[in-house]
């Protein structure tokens, strides 16, 4: 019997701003920690920060990915008619999504049971990297862990309004340079991806 595997079902939003700040939001509908959201931020100077709602989620995420600072703070995410509104400690964020493109329509055809299989994620790793620069669907994480991502939808981000401690972060921009939290980045073009993430725990 192999190491335990934990599964997270939800959405990952990745976007950049003209200030150089890049933001990765996770909104998890089902997880071992219940329903929660978290935010990873990389500032223009390269500082990487995690905003997570509980010590438990902060501890798990910061053991899996790499950050320069971790804050425990409420992360409130509300979605209505394609508009996402996020309040997370020093971050105020609002963005809208557009219509699916061809890749989004293709991903919607992936059955849930298939997206949950690590073997499927391993199979899609190479084509994902070709189609979406910087994206990986499998890799090694912190604490000896391994991860697999199975995507089931993709929508572009159309507009954004964001502020950090009251300072405007500027207009929507590509996620460039790629974020450096783990083994891969989100797509360079701002987008929201429906995803099943499987994390295999390392040695105790």
Foldseek 3Di string as FASTA:
>chain_A
DAFDKWKFFFKWWWFAFPQQKIKIKTFTCDTPVHTFIKMWIAGNVGAIEIEGADPVVQVVLCQFWPGPYYDHFHWDWDDDPQWIFIDTVQKTKIWGWDDFDPVQVVLQPDDPVLLQDQVNQVVCQVVCCVVFPFDGQWDATGQRKIKGKRWRGKIAIDWMWMGGNNHTRHTIAFCPPFRGTTDTGDGRGTMMTGIMMMMGHGDD
